[in-house]
């Protein structure tokens, strides 16, 4: 009866495959039908589960945006939230008037984390690899005797990502940074300062290693400054 077992095995595999496809399709349907009301009405938005969205009424999203699973978009109007409060109320309390703008045709593979208390703007046609973190603020650390989560937020400054940018895997972008048009940020970089248009930047802190030469149509290496040149 070996042939019977083979047939049963094939049928079982087909059923399992079809169930998996149906579950995937159902998950996408749930993701689309449970989207919150944003500040505008984006067309063709795909925002897969699981996801976290804070204060969607302050988020503007362009058309044809695709955000993969695990993304967290937090627009905070006050600090602290429930997780950061001191049990006895001994924490700094703050209020904010934030805004987050995501342009057209933006894509994020997965686990994009955007945190704003001020202003983050992402231009059109921007591409994010996985595990990118961007925050326009940081936790206060004026006192080493007090847990930092209770010291409020500081270093609050807008982040601007211009059109056509490619952000690599595991990149961190800090407050006050502007990344120019058609820039590439290499994997595992920490961006602390502005990056001009049409450059490739890598490292911690990220520095420009190549610039686009429009005359030759090629990337040209940028020599690292020596201490004696600074």
Protein backbone atom coordinates (compact mmCIF):
# COMPACT_ATOMS: atom_id res chain seq x y z
CA UNK A 1 0.00 0.00 0.00
CA UNK A 2 3.03 2.26 -0.50
CA UNK A 3 1.36 3.98 -3.45
CA UNK A 4 -1.61 4.85 -1.24
CA UNK A 5 0.69 6.49 1.31
CA UNK A 6 2.35 8.51 -1.45
CA UNK A 7 -1.00 9.74 -2.77
CA UNK A 8 -2.18 10.59 0.76
CA UNK A 9 1.10 12.42 1.40
CA UNK A 10 0.73 14.49 -1.80
CA UNK A 11 -2.88 15.37 -0.97
CA UNK A 12 -1.89 16.36 2.57
CA UNK A 13 0.90 18.58 1.26
CA UNK A 14 -1.46 20.26 -1.20
CA UNK A 15 -4.02 20.91 1.54
CA UNK A 16 -1.36 22.35 3.87
CA UNK A 17 -0.03 24.59 1.09
CA UNK A 18 -3.49 25.88 0.23
CA UNK A 19 -4.24 26.54 3.90
CA UNK A 20 -0.99 28.48 4.23
CA UNK A 21 -1.88 30.62 1.20
CA UNK A 22 -5.36 31.25 2.58
CA UNK A 23 -3.98 32.24 5.98
CA UNK A 24 -1.50 34.62 4.34
CA UNK A 25 -4.27 36.19 2.25
CA UNK A 26 -6.53 36.47 5.28
CA UNK A 27 -3.75 38.17 7.25
CA UNK A 28 -3.30 40.73 4.48
CA UNK A 29 -7.05 41.32 4.37
CA UNK A 30 -7.16 41.87 8.13
CA UNK A 31 -4.17 44.23 7.87
CA UNK A 32 -5.94 46.35 5.26
CA UNK A 33 -9.36 46.42 6.93
CA UNK A 34 -7.99 47.36 10.36
CA UNK A 35 -5.91 50.37 9.30
CA UNK A 36 -6.63 53.45 11.43
CA UNK A 37 -7.72 56.86 10.15
CA UNK A 38 -4.60 58.85 9.25
CA UNK A 39 -4.37 62.64 8.83
CA UNK A 40 -5.02 62.12 5.11
CA UNK A 41 -6.36 59.32 2.92
CA UNK A 42 -3.44 57.53 1.24
CA UNK A 43 -4.13 55.44 -1.86
CA UNK A 44 -2.89 51.84 -2.17
CA UNK A 45 -1.30 51.77 1.29
CA UNK A 46 -0.03 48.36 2.36
CA UNK A 47 0.89 48.11 6.05
CA UNK A 48 1.38 44.52 7.15
CA UNK A 49 0.86 42.98 10.58
CA UNK A 50 2.18 42.99 13.23
CA UNK A 51 2.47 46.76 13.57
CA UNK A 52 2.26 49.57 16.13
CA UNK A 53 0.81 52.99 15.25
CA UNK A 54 0.59 55.86 17.73
CA UNK A 55 -1.62 58.91 17.11
CA UNK A 56 -2.38 58.18 13.43
CA UNK A 57 -4.29 61.47 13.12
CA UNK A 58 -0.88 63.19 13.10
CA UNK A 59 0.59 60.96 10.39
CA UNK A 60 0.47 61.91 6.70
CA UNK A 61 1.17 59.08 4.27
CA UNK A 62 1.60 59.32 0.50
CA UNK A 63 0.24 56.98 -2.13
CA UNK A 64 1.55 53.49 -2.97
CA UNK A 65 3.43 53.10 0.32
CA UNK A 66 4.38 49.57 1.39
CA UNK A 67 5.46 48.88 4.98
CA UNK A 68 6.40 45.34 5.97
CA UNK A 69 5.74 43.46 9.21
CA UNK A 70 7.06 44.61 12.57
CA UNK A 71 7.00 48.35 11.82
CA UNK A 72 6.42 50.77 14.70
CA UNK A 73 5.38 54.36 14.01
CA UNK A 74 5.06 56.32 17.23
CA UNK A 75 3.99 59.95 17.16
CA UNK A 76 4.03 61.09 20.78
CA UNK A 77 2.04 64.04 22.06
CA UNK A 78 3.16 63.52 25.64
CA UNK A 79 5.87 61.89 27.72
CA UNK A 80 5.99 59.61 29.56
CA UNK A 81 3.63 56.93 28.32
CA UNK A 82 2.43 54.17 30.61
CA UNK A 83 5.70 52.21 30.34
CA UNK A 84 7.98 55.08 31.37
CA UNK A 85 6.14 56.47 34.38
CA UNK A 86 7.68 56.39 37.82
CA UNK A 87 5.44 54.39 40.19
CA UNK A 88 5.41 57.35 42.61
CA UNK A 89 5.05 60.00 39.91
CA UNK A 90 8.66 61.17 40.20
CA UNK A 91 9.22 61.74 36.49
CA UNK A 92 9.47 64.66 34.09
CA UNK A 93 6.20 65.28 32.22
CA UNK A 94 6.20 66.86 28.75
CA UNK A 95 3.72 67.66 25.96
CA UNK A 96 4.44 67.93 22.22
CA UNK A 97 2.85 68.94 18.92
CA UNK A 98 4.39 66.41 16.51
CA UNK A 99 3.91 65.61 12.83
CA UNK A 100 5.13 62.72 10.68
CA UNK A 101 5.11 62.84 6.87
CA UNK A 102 5.82 59.84 4.64
CA UNK A 103 6.03 60.52 0.90
CA UNK A 104 4.83 58.57 -2.13
CA UNK A 105 6.19 55.15 -3.11
CA UNK A 106 8.08 54.63 0.16
CA UNK A 107 8.97 51.00 0.96
CA UNK A 108 10.22 49.36 4.16
CA UNK A 109 11.12 45.66 4.25
CA UNK A 110 10.34 45.14 7.97
CA UNK A 111 10.87 46.48 11.49
CA UNK A 112 11.07 50.17 10.64
CA UNK A 113 10.86 52.17 13.88
CA UNK A 114 9.96 55.86 13.63
CA UNK A 115 9.62 57.87 16.85
CA UNK A 116 8.74 61.57 16.74
CA UNK A 117 7.83 64.25 19.23
CA UNK A 118 8.64 67.03 16.77
CA UNK A 119 8.84 66.46 13.01
CA UNK A 120 10.00 63.69 10.71
CA UNK A 121 9.64 64.00 6.95
CA UNK A 122 10.42 61.14 4.55
CA UNK A 123 10.47 62.08 0.87
CA UNK A 124 9.22 60.19 -2.18
CA UNK A 125 10.68 56.89 -3.44
CA UNK A 126 12.66 56.22 -0.25
CA UNK A 127 13.69 52.61 0.39
CA UNK A 128 14.32 51.19 3.88
CA UNK A 129 15.96 47.84 4.51
CA UNK A 130 15.09 45.96 7.74
CA UNK A 131 15.62 47.13 11.32
CA UNK A 132 15.99 50.87 10.76
CA UNK A 133 15.57 53.17 13.78
CA UNK A 134 14.89 56.89 13.54
CA UNK A 135 14.01 59.26 16.40
CA UNK A 136 13.89 63.04 16.55
CA UNK A 137 14.59 63.03 20.29
CA UNK A 138 16.59 61.18 22.91
CA UNK A 139 16.27 60.41 26.61
CA UNK A 140 17.65 62.93 29.08
CA UNK A 141 20.81 62.05 31.00
CA UNK A 142 21.58 65.16 33.08
CA UNK A 143 21.68 63.16 36.32
CA UNK A 144 23.50 59.85 36.71
CA UNK A 145 21.71 59.20 40.03
CA UNK A 146 18.25 59.13 38.41
CA UNK A 147 17.04 56.40 36.03
CA UNK A 148 17.13 57.89 32.54
CA UNK A 149 13.58 56.85 31.67
CA UNK A 150 12.30 59.34 34.26
CA UNK A 151 14.36 62.34 33.07
CA UNK A 152 12.19 63.27 30.11
CA UNK A 153 13.16 63.72 26.47
CA UNK A 154 15.86 66.04 25.16
CA UNK A 155 17.85 66.87 22.02
CA UNK A 156 14.59 67.33 20.12
CA UNK A 157 15.21 68.28 16.47
CA UNK A 158 13.55 67.47 13.10
CA UNK A 159 14.74 64.69 10.80
CA UNK A 160 14.47 65.12 7.02
CA UNK A 161 14.99 62.27 4.55
CA UNK A 162 14.88 63.64 0.99
CA UNK A 163 13.70 61.91 -2.19
CA UNK A 164 15.20 58.71 -3.55
CA UNK A 165 17.24 57.72 -0.48
CA UNK A 166 18.27 54.12 0.25
CA UNK A 167 18.71 53.31 3.95
CA UNK A 168 20.55 50.03 4.58
CA UNK A 169 20.09 47.29 7.16
CA UNK A 170 20.28 48.15 10.89
CA UNK A 171 20.79 51.89 10.38
CA UNK A 172 20.20 54.41 13.20
CA UNK A 173 19.36 58.03 12.36
CA UNK A 174 19.67 60.55 15.19
CA UNK A 175 17.84 63.86 15.88
CA UNK A 176 18.50 66.90 13.73
CA UNK A 177 19.80 64.99 10.69
CA UNK A 178 19.01 65.84 7.07
CA UNK A 179 19.86 63.19 4.46
CA UNK A 180 20.10 64.59 0.94
CA UNK A 181 18.51 63.33 -2.27
CA UNK A 182 19.54 59.95 -3.69
CA UNK A 183 21.88 59.20 -0.80
CA UNK A 184 22.87 55.65 0.17
CA UNK A 185 23.42 54.90 3.87
CA UNK A 186 25.36 51.65 4.31
CA UNK A 187 24.30 48.86 6.64
CA UNK A 188 24.93 49.21 10.41
CA UNK A 189 25.64 52.95 10.13
CA UNK A 190 24.78 55.57 12.76
CA UNK A 191 23.93 58.90 11.13
CA UNK A 192 24.70 61.81 13.45
CA UNK A 193 25.27 64.67 10.99
CA UNK A 194 23.81 65.88 7.69
CA UNK A 195 24.66 63.98 4.51
CA UNK A 196 24.71 65.99 1.24
CA UNK A 197 22.94 64.93 -1.97
CA UNK A 198 24.11 61.99 -4.08
CA UNK A 199 26.60 60.51 -1.65
CA UNK A 200 27.33 57.12 -0.09
CA UNK A 201 27.91 57.24 3.67
CA UNK A 202 28.88 54.41 6.03
CA UNK A 203 30.11 53.80 9.56
CA UNK A 204 29.62 55.02 13.12
CA UNK A 205 29.49 57.93 12.89
CA UNK A 206 28.47 57.75 9.23
CA UNK A 207 30.85 59.59 6.91
CA UNK A 208 30.79 60.15 3.17
CA UNK A 209 33.02 57.70 1.30
CA UNK A 210 31.79 58.36 -2.26
CA UNK A 211 30.20 61.21 -4.17
CA UNK A 212 28.41 61.10 -7.51
CA UNK A 213 30.20 62.89 -10.34
CA UNK A 214 27.54 64.08 -12.79
CA UNK A 215 30.14 64.92 -15.44
CA UNK A 216 31.57 61.38 -15.61
CA UNK A 217 28.47 59.51 -14.47
CA UNK A 218 30.46 57.60 -11.84
CA UNK A 219 30.90 57.34 -8.07
CA UNK A 220 34.16 58.89 -6.89
CA UNK A 221 35.90 58.00 -3.65
CA UNK A 222 36.27 60.65 -0.97
CA UNK A 223 39.61 60.64 0.80
CA UNK A 224 39.48 60.43 4.57
CA UNK A 225 40.89 63.54 6.24
CA UNK A 226 44.03 63.03 8.23
CA UNK A 227 44.41 64.66 11.65
CA UNK A 228 47.05 67.04 10.26
CA UNK A 229 44.53 68.20 7.62
CA UNK A 230 41.78 69.04 10.12
